[in-house]
PDB file of N, CA and C in Angstrom:
ATOM      1  N   MET A   1       0.758  -1.317  -0.004  1.00  0.00           N
ATOM      2  CA  MET A   1       0.162  -0.254  -0.285  1.00  0.00           C
ATOM      3  C   MET A   1       0.772   1.073  -0.160  1.00  0.00           C
ATOM      4  N   THR A   2       0.240   2.155  -0.586  1.00  0.00           N
ATOM      5  CA  THR A   2       0.956   3.339  -0.909  1.00  0.00           C
ATOM      6  C   THR A   2       0.880   4.409   0.243  1.00  0.00           C
ATOM      7  N   VAL A   3       1.561   5.090   1.413  1.00  0.00           N
ATOM      8  CA  VAL A   3       1.010   6.200   1.995  1.00  0.00           C
ATOM      9  C   VAL A   3       1.887   7.677   1.501  1.00  0.00           C
ATOM     10  N   ASP A   4       1.092   8.375   1.362  1.00  0.00           N
ATOM     11  CA  ASP A   4       1.455   9.547   0.695  1.00  0.00           C
ATOM     12  C   ASP A   4       1.809  10.815   1.886  1.00  0.00           C
ATOM     13  N   LEU A   5       2.618  11.634   1.804  1.00  0.00           N
ATOM     14  CA  LEU A   5       2.944  12.767   3.241  1.00  0.00           C
ATOM     15  C   LEU A   5       3.250  13.872   2.277  1.00  0.00           C
ATOM     16  N   GLY A   6       2.448  14.973   3.070  1.00  0.00           N
ATOM     17  CA  GLY A   6       2.610  16.442   2.092  1.00  0.00           C
ATOM     18  C   GLY A   6       1.941  16.289   0.922  1.00  0.00           C
ATOM     19  N   LYS A   7       1.036  15.609   0.474  1.00  0.00           N
ATOM     20  CA  LYS A   7       0.983  15.932  -0.868  1.00  0.00           C
ATOM     21  C   LYS A   7      -0.749  16.100  -1.005  1.00  0.00           C
ATOM     22  N   GLY A   8      -0.462  17.524  -1.790  1.00  0.00           N
ATOM     23  CA  GLY A   8      -1.639  18.903  -1.191  1.00  0.00           C
ATOM     24  C   GLY A   8      -1.493  19.846  -0.315  1.00  0.00           C
ATOM     25  N   SER A   9      -1.562  19.674   0.632  1.00  0.00           N
ATOM     26  CA  SER A   9      -0.660  20.661   1.714  1.00  0.00           C
ATOM     27  C   SER A   9      -0.119  19.542   3.090  1.00  0.00           C
ATOM     28  N   GLU A  10       1.463  20.464   3.140  1.00  0.00           N
ATOM     29  CA  GLU A  10       2.313  19.838   3.821  1.00  0.00           C
ATOM     30  C   GLU A  10       2.065  18.849   5.205  1.00  0.00           C
ATOM     31  N   PHE A  11       0.943  18.915   5.646  1.00  0.00           N
ATOM     32  CA  PHE A  11       0.506  18.135   6.692  1.00  0.00           C
ATOM     33  C   PHE A  11      -0.604  16.845   6.708  1.00  0.00           C
ATOM     34  N   ASN A  12      -0.796  16.825   5.510  1.00  0.00           N
ATOM     35  CA  ASN A  12      -1.616  15.389   4.551  1.00  0.00           C
ATOM     36  C   ASN A  12      -0.982  14.535   4.990  1.00  0.00           C
ATOM     37  N   MET A  13      -1.612  13.501   5.529  1.00  0.00           N
ATOM     38  CA  MET A  13      -1.125  11.995   5.361  1.00  0.00           C
ATOM     39  C   MET A  13      -2.530  11.484   4.699  1.00  0.00           C
ATOM     40  N   THR A  14      -2.188  10.562   3.634  1.00  0.00           N
ATOM     41  CA  THR A  14      -3.673   9.700   2.782  1.00  0.00           C
ATOM     42  C   THR A  14      -3.002   8.010   2.878  1.00  0.00           C
ATOM     43  N   SER A  15      -3.624   7.475   2.748  1.00  0.00           N
ATOM     44  CA  SER A  15      -3.108   6.039   2.245  1.00  0.00           C
ATOM     45  C   SER A  15      -3.965   5.701   0.913  1.00  0.00           C
ATOM     46  N   SER A  16      -3.693   5.067   0.678  1.00  0.00           N
ATOM     47  CA  SER A  16      -4.261   4.259  -0.960  1.00  0.00           C
ATOM     48  C   SER A  16      -5.382   3.029  -0.886  1.00  0.00           C
ATOM     49  N   VAL A  17      -5.418   2.595   0.593  1.00  0.00           N
ATOM     50  CA  VAL A  17      -6.200   1.774   1.224  1.00  0.00           C
ATOM     51  C   VAL A  17      -6.714   2.111   2.492  1.00  0.00           C
ATOM     52  N   ALA A  18      -7.846   1.727   3.243  1.00  0.00           N
ATOM     53  CA  ALA A  18      -8.395   2.139   4.478  1.00  0.00           C
ATOM     54  C   ALA A  18      -8.207   0.695   5.282  1.00  0.00           C
ATOM     55  N   SER A  19      -7.932   0.190   4.446  1.00  0.00           N
ATOM     56  CA  SER A  19      -7.938  -1.657   5.452  1.00  0.00           C
ATOM     57  C   SER A  19      -7.083  -2.479   4.700  1.00  0.00           C
ATOM     58  N   ALA A  20      -6.718  -3.629   5.317  1.00  0.00           N
ATOM     59  CA  ALA A  20      -5.768  -4.852   4.160  1.00  0.00           C
ATOM     60  C   ALA A  20      -6.200  -5.899   5.657  1.00  0.00           C
ATOM     61  N   PRO A  21      -5.982  -7.065   4.810  1.00  0.00           N
ATOM     62  CA  PRO A  21      -5.707  -8.203   6.364  1.00  0.00           C
ATOM     63  C   PRO A  21      -4.550  -8.473   6.955  1.00  0.00           C
ATOM     64  N   ALA A  22      -4.933  -9.203   7.767  1.00  0.00           N
ATOM     65  CA  ALA A  22      -3.113  -9.149   8.916  1.00  0.00           C
ATOM     66  C   ALA A  22      -2.983 -10.275   8.621  1.00  0.00           C
ATOM     67  N   GLY A  23      -1.589  -9.775   8.619  1.00  0.00           N
ATOM     68  CA  GLY A  23      -0.442 -10.429   8.405  1.00  0.00           C
ATOM     69  C   GLY A  23       0.678  -9.271   7.747  1.00  0.00           C
ATOM     70  N   LYS A  24       1.672  -9.728   6.863  1.00  0.00           N
ATOM     71  CA  LYS A  24       2.915  -8.858   6.385  1.00  0.00           C
ATOM     72  C   LYS A  24       2.324  -7.456   5.604  1.00  0.00           C
ATOM     73  N   ILE A  25       2.262  -6.389   5.660  1.00  0.00           N
ATOM     74  CA  ILE A  25       1.347  -5.324   5.598  1.00  0.00           C
ATOM     75  C   ILE A  25       3.150  -4.516   4.572  1.00  0.00           C
ATOM     76  N   THR A  26       3.292  -3.879   3.298  1.00  0.00           N
ATOM     77  CA  THR A  26       4.370  -3.449   3.168  1.00  0.00           C
ATOM     78  C   THR A  26       3.782  -1.781   2.956  1.00  0.00           C
ATOM     79  N   PHE A  27       4.498  -1.110   3.433  1.00  0.00           N
ATOM     80  CA  PHE A  27       3.696   0.250   3.811  1.00  0.00           C
ATOM     81  C   PHE A  27       4.950   1.467   2.473  1.00  0.00           C
ATOM     82  N   ASP A  28       4.532   1.628   1.175  1.00  0.00           N
ATOM     83  CA  ASP A  28       5.644   2.105   0.719  1.00  0.00           C
ATOM     84  C   ASP A  28       4.745   4.184   0.570  1.00  0.00           C
ATOM     85  N   VAL A  29       5.746   4.506   1.499  1.00  0.00           N
ATOM     86  CA  VAL A  29       6.459   5.499   1.970  1.00  0.00           C
ATOM     87  C   VAL A  29       6.462   6.948   1.327  1.00  0.00           C
ATOM     88  N   LYS A  30       6.011   7.759   0.787  1.00  0.00           N
ATOM     89  CA  LYS A  30       6.390   8.831  -0.158  1.00  0.00           C
ATOM     90  C   LYS A  30       6.319  10.278   0.344  1.00  0.00           C
ATOM     91  N   ASN A  31       7.104  10.773   0.082  1.00  0.00           N
ATOM     92  CA  ASN A  31       7.372  12.326   0.903  1.00  0.00           C
ATOM     93  C   ASN A  31       6.983  13.762  -0.696  1.00  0.00           C
ATOM     94  N   ASP A  32       5.582  13.711  -0.661  1.00  0.00           N
ATOM     95  CA  ASP A  32       5.369  14.395  -1.208  1.00  0.00           C
ATOM     96  C   ASP A  32       5.913  16.217  -1.057  1.00  0.00           C
ATOM     97  N   GLY A  33       5.576  16.256   0.115  1.00  0.00           N
ATOM     98  CA  GLY A  33       5.827  17.451   0.520  1.00  0.00           C
ATOM     99  C   GLY A  33       7.087  18.333   0.334  1.00  0.00           C
ATOM    100  N   THR A  34       7.725  19.203   0.790  1.00  0.00           N
ATOM    101  CA  THR A  34       8.679  20.086   1.090  1.00  0.00           C
ATOM    102  C   THR A  34       9.562  19.913   2.317  1.00  0.00           C
ATOM    103  N   MET A  35       9.264  18.990   3.909  1.00  0.00           N
ATOM    104  CA  MET A  35       9.708  19.313   4.670  1.00  0.00           C
ATOM    105  C   MET A  35      10.478  17.623   4.800  1.00  0.00           C
ATOM    106  N   LEU A  36      11.250  16.962   5.903  1.00  0.00           N
ATOM    107  CA  LEU A  36      11.451  15.884   6.337  1.00  0.00           C
ATOM    108  C   LEU A  36       9.997  15.765   6.931  1.00  0.00           C
ATOM    109  N   HIS A  37       9.530  14.173   6.912  1.00  0.00           N
ATOM    110  CA  HIS A  37       8.475  13.163   7.235  1.00  0.00           C
ATOM    111  C   HIS A  37       8.875  12.292   8.222  1.00  0.00           C
ATOM    112  N   GLU A  38       8.342  11.689   8.346  1.00  0.00           N
ATOM    113  CA  GLU A  38       8.009  10.288   8.806  1.00  0.00           C
ATOM    114  C   GLU A  38       6.993   9.488   9.221  1.00  0.00           C
ATOM    115  N   MET A  39       7.246   8.202   9.299  1.00  0.00           N
ATOM    116  CA  MET A  39       5.750   7.505   9.130  1.00  0.00           C
ATOM    117  C   MET A  39       5.776   6.705  10.716  1.00  0.00           C
ATOM    118  N   VAL A  40       5.022   6.514  11.737  1.00  0.00           N
ATOM    119  CA  VAL A  40       5.082   6.112  12.728  1.00  0.00           C
ATOM    120  C   VAL A  40       3.318   5.337  12.622  1.00  0.00           C
ATOM    121  N   VAL A  41       3.438   3.891  12.761  1.00  0.00           N
ATOM    122  CA  VAL A  41       2.563   2.856  12.799  1.00  0.00           C
ATOM    123  C   VAL A  41       2.363   2.903  14.340  1.00  0.00           C
ATOM    124  N   VAL A  42       0.998   2.872  14.917  1.00  0.00           N
ATOM    125  CA  VAL A  42       0.739   3.203  16.531  1.00  0.00           C
ATOM    126  C   VAL A  42      -1.131   2.293  16.680  1.00  0.00           C
ATOM    127  N   PRO A  43      -1.190   1.366  17.440  1.00  0.00           N
ATOM    128  CA  PRO A  43      -2.140   1.031  17.509  1.00  0.00           C
ATOM    129  C   PRO A  43      -3.576   1.877  18.221  1.00  0.00           C
ATOM    130  N   GLU A  44      -4.565   2.318  17.583  1.00  0.00           N
ATOM    131  CA  GLU A  44      -5.064   3.188  17.890  1.00  0.00           C
ATOM    132  C   GLU A  44      -5.865   2.732  19.820  1.00  0.00           C
ATOM    133  N   PRO A  45      -5.587   3.787  20.679  1.00  0.00           N
ATOM    134  CA  PRO A  45      -5.997   3.674  21.977  1.00  0.00           C
ATOM    135  C   PRO A  45      -7.654   3.764  21.558  1.00  0.00           C
ATOM    136  N   ALA A  46      -8.222   3.254  22.536  1.00  0.00           N
ATOM    137  CA  ALA A  46      -9.841   3.164  23.374  1.00  0.00           C
ATOM    138  C   ALA A  46     -10.081   4.888  23.199  1.00  0.00           C
ATOM    139  N   GLY A  47      -9.709   5.287  23.404  1.00  0.00           N
ATOM    140  CA  GLY A  47      -9.979   6.719  23.501  1.00  0.00           C
ATOM    141  C   GLY A  47     -10.081   7.606  21.863  1.00  0.00           C
ATOM    142  N   GLY A  48      -9.380   7.007  20.852  1.00  0.00           N
ATOM    143  CA  GLY A  48      -9.244   7.193  19.853  1.00  0.00           C
ATOM    144  C   GLY A  48      -7.842   8.127  19.975  1.00  0.00           C
ATOM    145  N   VAL A  49      -8.154   8.872  18.202  1.00  0.00           N
ATOM    146  CA  VAL A  49      -6.601   9.322  18.044  1.00  0.00           C
ATOM    147  C   VAL A  49      -6.064  10.076  19.602  1.00  0.00           C
ATOM    148  N   ASP A  50      -7.094  11.029  19.608  1.00  0.00           N
ATOM    149  CA  ASP A  50      -7.217  12.368  20.808  1.00  0.00           C
ATOM    150  C   ASP A  50      -6.372  11.642  21.779  1.00  0.00           C
ATOM    151  N   ALA A  51      -6.469  10.113  22.467  1.00  0.00           N
ATOM    152  CA  ALA A  51      -5.457  10.127  23.365  1.00  0.00           C
ATOM    153  C   ALA A  51      -4.308   9.723  23.220  1.00  0.00           C
ATOM    154  N   LEU A  52      -3.504   9.760  22.033  1.00  0.00           N
ATOM    155  CA  LEU A  52      -2.285   9.770  22.008  1.00  0.00           C
ATOM    156  C   LEU A  52      -1.738  11.241  22.087  1.00  0.00           C
ATOM    157  N   LYS A  53      -2.435  12.348  22.385  1.00  0.00           N
ATOM    158  CA  LYS A  53      -1.976  13.443  21.832  1.00  0.00           C
ATOM    159  C   LYS A  53      -1.461  13.474  23.468  1.00  0.00           C
ATOM    160  N   GLN A  54       0.362  14.373  23.138  1.00  0.00           N
ATOM    161  CA  GLN A  54       1.150  14.305  24.796  1.00  0.00           C
ATOM    162  C   GLN A  54       1.257  15.975  24.644  1.00  0.00           C
ATOM    163  N   ALA A  55       1.454  16.804  26.000  1.00  0.00           N
ATOM    164  CA  ALA A  55       1.213  17.896  26.491  1.00  0.00           C
ATOM    165  C   ALA A  55       2.119  19.073  25.481  1.00  0.00           C
ATOM    166  N   ASP A  56       2.892  18.428  25.090  1.00  0.00           N
ATOM    167  CA  ASP A  56       3.917  18.856  24.310  1.00  0.00           C
ATOM    168  C   ASP A  56       3.475  18.884  22.204  1.00  0.00           C
ATOM    169  N   GLY A  57       1.891  18.034  22.098  1.00  0.00           N
ATOM    170  CA  GLY A  57       1.467  18.294  20.992  1.00  0.00           C
ATOM    171  C   GLY A  57       1.997  17.310  20.138  1.00  0.00           C
ATOM    172  N   THR A  58       3.235  16.438  20.121  1.00  0.00           N
ATOM    173  CA  THR A  58       3.987  15.200  19.927  1.00  0.00           C
ATOM    174  C   THR A  58       2.312  14.213  20.293  1.00  0.00           C
ATOM    175  N   ALA A  59       2.428  12.715  19.404  1.00  0.00           N
ATOM    176  CA  ALA A  59       2.018  11.825  20.373  1.00  0.00           C
ATOM    177  C   ALA A  59       2.550  10.972  20.932  1.00  0.00           C
ATOM    178  N   ASP A  60       2.016  10.093  21.651  1.00  0.00           N
ATOM    179  CA  ASP A  60       2.754   8.613  22.159  1.00  0.00           C
ATOM    180  C   ASP A  60       2.797   7.812  21.295  1.00  0.00           C
ATOM    181  N   GLU A  61       4.214   7.454  21.249  1.00  0.00           N
ATOM    182  CA  GLU A  61       4.085   6.259  19.934  1.00  0.00           C
ATOM    183  C   GLU A  61       4.996   5.029  21.156  1.00  0.00           C
ATOM    184  N   ALA A  62       4.598   5.240  22.667  1.00  0.00           N
ATOM    185  CA  ALA A  62       5.454   3.755  23.316  1.00  0.00           C
ATOM    186  C   ALA A  62       5.312   2.645  22.251  1.00  0.00           C
ATOM    187  N   ASN A  63       4.010   2.884  22.313  1.00  0.00           N
ATOM    188  CA  ASN A  63       3.288   1.739  22.168  1.00  0.00           C
ATOM    189  C   ASN A  63       3.463   1.239  20.184  1.00  0.00           C
ATOM    190  N   ALA A  64       4.323   1.859  19.477  1.00  0.00           N
ATOM    191  CA  ALA A  64       4.840   2.059  18.271  1.00  0.00           C
ATOM    192  C   ALA A  64       4.915   0.256  17.673  1.00  0.00           C
ATOM    193  N   VAL A  65       4.564  -0.067  16.467  1.00  0.00           N
ATOM    194  CA  VAL A  65       4.558  -1.254  16.217  1.00  0.00           C
ATOM    195  C   VAL A  65       6.119  -0.865  14.796  1.00  0.00           C
ATOM    196  N   GLY A  66       6.202  -0.170  14.432  1.00  0.00           N
ATOM    197  CA  GLY A  66       7.132   0.238  13.129  1.00  0.00           C
ATOM    198  C   GLY A  66       7.274   1.690  12.977  1.00  0.00           C
ATOM    199  N   GLU A  67       8.200   2.046  11.804  1.00  0.00           N
ATOM    200  CA  GLU A  67       8.001   3.689  11.272  1.00  0.00           C
ATOM    201  C   GLU A  67       9.441   3.121   9.980  1.00  0.00           C
ATOM    202  N   ALA A  68       8.604   3.855   9.325  1.00  0.00           N
ATOM    203  CA  ALA A  68       9.625   4.683   8.254  1.00  0.00           C
ATOM    204  C   ALA A  68      10.441   5.968   8.633  1.00  0.00           C
ATOM    205  N   PRO A  69      11.235   5.934   9.054  1.00  0.00           N
ATOM    206  CA  PRO A  69      11.849   7.473   9.877  1.00  0.00           C
ATOM    207  C   PRO A  69      12.331   7.977   8.979  1.00  0.00           C
ATOM    208  N   ASP A  70      12.410   9.641   9.201  1.00  0.00           N
ATOM    209  CA  ASP A  70      13.407  10.545   8.250  1.00  0.00           C
ATOM    210  C   ASP A  70      13.509   9.932   6.802  1.00  0.00           C
ATOM    211  N   ILE A  71      12.119  10.819   6.358  1.00  0.00           N
ATOM    212  CA  ILE A  71      11.961  11.126   4.616  1.00  0.00           C
ATOM    213  C   ILE A  71      11.831  11.916   4.000  1.00  0.00           C
ATOM    214  N   GLU A  72      13.030  12.022   3.627  1.00  0.00           N
ATOM    215  CA  GLU A  72      13.991  13.612   2.966  1.00  0.00           C
ATOM    216  C   GLU A  72      12.437  14.247   2.311  1.00  0.00           C
ATOM    217  N   ALA A  73      12.095  15.268   1.765  1.00  0.00           N
ATOM    218  CA  ALA A  73      11.446  15.557   0.377  1.00  0.00           C
ATOM    219  C   ALA A  73      11.439  14.862  -0.873  1.00  0.00           C
ATOM    220  N   GLY A  74      10.709  14.409  -0.988  1.00  0.00           N
ATOM    221  CA  GLY A  74      10.612  13.920  -2.858  1.00  0.00           C
ATOM    222  C   GLY A  74      10.937  12.564  -2.588  1.00  0.00           C
ATOM    223  N   ALA A  75      11.419  11.745  -1.296  1.00  0.00           N
ATOM    224  CA  ALA A  75      11.803  10.649  -1.705  1.00  0.00           C
ATOM    225  C   ALA A  75      10.777   9.387  -0.801  1.00  0.00           C
ATOM    226  N   THR A  76      10.945   7.856  -1.203  1.00  0.00           N
ATOM    227  CA  THR A  76       9.897   7.332  -0.626  1.00  0.00           C
ATOM    228  C   THR A  76      11.012   5.922   0.163  1.00  0.00           C
ATOM    229  N   LYS A  77      10.402   5.811   1.490  1.00  0.00           N
ATOM    230  CA  LYS A  77      10.923   4.402   1.527  1.00  0.00           C
ATOM    231  C   LYS A  77       9.932   3.502   2.563  1.00  0.00           C
ATOM    232  N   SER A  78      10.069   2.242   2.488  1.00  0.00           N
ATOM    233  CA  SER A  78       9.496   1.120   2.386  1.00  0.00           C
ATOM    234  C   SER A  78      10.014   0.761   3.455  1.00  0.00           C
ATOM    235  N   VAL A  79       8.910   0.181   4.624  1.00  0.00           N
ATOM    236  CA  VAL A  79       8.748  -0.613   5.588  1.00  0.00           C
ATOM    237  C   VAL A  79       7.794  -1.716   5.802  1.00  0.00           C
ATOM    238  N   THR A  80       8.071  -2.998   6.351  1.00  0.00           N
ATOM    239  CA  THR A  80       6.679  -4.032   5.946  1.00  0.00           C
ATOM    240  C   THR A  80       7.035  -4.708   7.936  1.00  0.00           C
ATOM    241  N   LEU A  81       5.832  -4.867   7.777  1.00  0.00           N
ATOM    242  CA  LEU A  81       5.446  -4.932   9.312  1.00  0.00           C
ATOM    243  C   LEU A  81       4.154  -6.020   9.685  1.00  0.00           C
ATOM    244  N   ASP A  82       4.389  -6.717  10.558  1.00  0.00           N
ATOM    245  CA  ASP A  82       3.537  -8.065  10.589  1.00  0.00           C
ATOM    246  C   ASP A  82       2.182  -7.566  11.746  1.00  0.00           C
ATOM    247  N   LEU A  83       1.316  -7.251  11.274  1.00  0.00           N
ATOM    248  CA  LEU A  83       0.144  -6.500  11.611  1.00  0.00           C
ATOM    249  C   LEU A  83      -1.364  -7.652  11.985  1.00  0.00           C
ATOM    250  N   LYS A  84      -1.714  -7.478  13.767  1.00  0.00           N
ATOM    251  CA  LYS A  84      -2.810  -7.956  13.802  1.00  0.00           C
ATOM    252  C   LYS A  84      -3.675  -7.434  13.960  1.00  0.00           C
ATOM    253  N   ALA A  85      -5.090  -7.747  13.730  1.00  0.00           N
ATOM    254  CA  ALA A  85      -6.024  -7.389  13.713  1.00  0.00           C
ATOM    255  C   ALA A  85      -6.455  -6.645  14.712  1.00  0.00           C
ATOM    256  N   GLY A  86      -6.570  -4.809  13.827  1.00  0.00           N
ATOM    257  CA  GLY A  86      -6.938  -4.130  14.965  1.00  0.00           C
ATOM    258  C   GLY A  86      -6.953  -2.941  14.216  1.00  0.00           C
ATOM    259  N   LYS A  87      -7.434  -1.872  15.178  1.00  0.00           N
ATOM    260  CA  LYS A  87      -7.061  -0.280  14.662  1.00  0.00           C
ATOM    261  C   LYS A  87      -6.038   0.303  14.536  1.00  0.00           C
ATOM    262  N   TYR A  88      -5.581   1.116  13.644  1.00  0.00           N
ATOM    263  CA  TYR A  88      -3.812   1.633  14.051  1.00  0.00           C
ATOM    264  C   TYR A  88      -4.282   3.170  13.379  1.00  0.00           C
ATOM    265  N   VAL A  89      -2.568   4.195  14.192  1.00  0.00           N
ATOM    266  CA  VAL A  89      -3.284   5.281  13.464  1.00  0.00           C
ATOM    267  C   VAL A  89      -1.492   4.873  12.771  1.00  0.00           C
ATOM    268  N   LEU A  90      -1.749   5.860  11.422  1.00  0.00           N
ATOM    269  CA  LEU A  90      -0.551   5.925  10.925  1.00  0.00           C
ATOM    270  C   LEU A  90      -0.044   7.795  10.769  1.00  0.00           C
ATOM    271  N   LEU A  91       1.011   8.258  11.595  1.00  0.00           N
ATOM    272  CA  LEU A  91       0.903   9.792  11.730  1.00  0.00           C
ATOM    273  C   LEU A  91       2.935  10.257  11.439  1.00  0.00           C
ATOM    274  N   CYS A  92       2.803  11.216  11.786  1.00  0.00           N
ATOM    275  CA  CYS A  92       4.225  11.867  11.562  1.00  0.00           C
ATOM    276  C   CYS A  92       4.161  12.655  13.007  1.00  0.00           C
ATOM    277  N   ASN A  93       5.504  12.392  13.271  1.00  0.00           N
ATOM    278  CA  ASN A  93       5.126  12.893  14.980  1.00  0.00           C
ATOM    279  C   ASN A  93       6.731  13.892  15.230  1.00  0.00           C
ATOM    280  N   LEU A  94       7.343  14.259  13.797  1.00  0.00           N
ATOM    281  CA  LEU A  94       8.104  15.200  13.910  1.00  0.00           C
ATOM    282  C   LEU A  94       7.136  16.275  14.648  1.00  0.00           C
ATOM    283  N   PRO A  95       8.528  17.631  15.248  1.00  0.00           N
ATOM    284  CA  PRO A  95       7.545  18.519  16.056  1.00  0.00           C
ATOM    285  C   PRO A  95       6.603  19.658  15.386  1.00  0.00           C
ATOM    286  N   GLY A  96       5.146  19.472  15.924  1.00  0.00           N
ATOM    287  CA  GLY A  96       4.769  20.023  15.296  1.00  0.00           C
ATOM    288  C   GLY A  96       3.574  19.779  13.843  1.00  0.00           C
ATOM    289  N   HIS A  97       4.129  18.457  13.798  1.00  0.00           N
ATOM    290  CA  HIS A  97       3.338  17.806  12.554  1.00  0.00           C
ATOM    291  C   HIS A  97       2.099  17.157  13.029  1.00  0.00           C
ATOM    292  N   PHE A  98       2.118  15.963  14.263  1.00  0.00           N
ATOM    293  CA  PHE A  98       1.093  15.069  14.362  1.00  0.00           C
ATOM    294  C   PHE A  98      -0.046  16.358  15.114  1.00  0.00           C
ATOM    295  N   ALA A  99       0.766  17.519  15.946  1.00  0.00           N
ATOM    296  CA  ALA A  99      -0.807  18.456  15.960  1.00  0.00           C
ATOM    297  C   ALA A  99      -1.194  19.446  14.730  1.00  0.00           C
ATOM    298  N   GLY A 100      -0.357  19.267  14.030  1.00  0.00           N
ATOM    299  CA  GLY A 100      -0.939  19.868  12.798  1.00  0.00           C
ATOM    300  C   GLY A 100      -2.312  19.095  11.911  1.00  0.00           C
ATOM    301  N   GLY A 101      -2.342  17.756  12.271  1.00  0.00           N
ATOM    302  CA  GLY A 101      -2.779  16.735  11.847  1.00  0.00           C
ATOM    303  C   GLY A 101      -2.619  16.428  10.860  1.00  0.00           C
ATOM    304  N   MET A 102      -1.543  15.638  10.683  1.00  0.00           N
ATOM    305  CA  MET A 102      -0.359  14.570  10.260  1.00  0.00           C
ATOM    306  C   MET A 102      -0.997  13.267  10.666  1.00  0.00           C
ATOM    307  N   TRP A 103      -2.034  12.732   9.940  1.00  0.00           N
ATOM    308  CA  TRP A 103      -1.797  11.578  10.994  1.00  0.00           C
ATOM    309  C   TRP A 103      -3.305  10.643  10.265  1.00  0.00           C
ATOM    310  N   THR A 104      -3.356   9.558   9.947  1.00  0.00           N
ATOM    311  CA  THR A 104      -4.472   9.041   9.369  1.00  0.00           C
ATOM    312  C   THR A 104      -4.912   7.735  10.166  1.00  0.00           C
ATOM    313  N   THR A 105      -6.074   7.271  10.210  1.00  0.00           N
ATOM    314  CA  THR A 105      -6.322   5.560   9.991  1.00  0.00           C
ATOM    315  C   THR A 105      -6.914   5.203   9.636  1.00  0.00           C
ATOM    316  N   PHE A 106      -6.136   3.629  10.099  1.00  0.00           N
ATOM    317  CA  PHE A 106      -5.748   2.616   9.060  1.00  0.00           C
ATOM    318  C   PHE A 106      -6.559   1.161   9.799  1.00  0.00           C
ATOM    319  N   THR A 107      -6.765   0.311   9.310  1.00  0.00           N
ATOM    320  CA  THR A 107      -7.628  -0.897  10.151  1.00  0.00           C
ATOM    321  C   THR A 107      -7.311  -2.171   9.249  1.00  0.00           C
ATOM    322  N   VAL A 108      -6.876  -2.952  10.394  1.00  0.00           N
ATOM    323  CA  VAL A 108      -6.193  -4.739   9.712  1.00  0.00           C
ATOM    324  C   VAL A 108      -7.314  -5.204  10.336  1.00  0.00           C
ATOM    325  N   SER A 109      -7.557  -5.889   9.565  1.00  0.00           N
ATOM    326  CA  SER A 109      -8.710  -6.794   9.555  1.00  0.00           C
ATOM    327  C   SER A 109      -8.637  -8.806   9.588  1.00  0.00           C
TER     328      SER A 109
END
């Protein structure tokens, strides 16, 4: 699946699909923006995405299951994760990015 970062607006994050079957999933993460970005995969907490927000505006990524770090503008990185069924949040946790709305949800069934 493809995840586009910064496409149309710097803090946009969109996924080519909203769900996938459990097991190994390859995320091809493309930075269409002009800034450095990353994609962190975190299980969605019971309280939803808002429950991830910390006092400094970043997301709590203590339970992250994987990431594609430090993706320069115009670059693409791939990461393959073995995911169990559940809801996940894909997010950029660089300063100001998560607080700016750079996240999307993804379901594994």
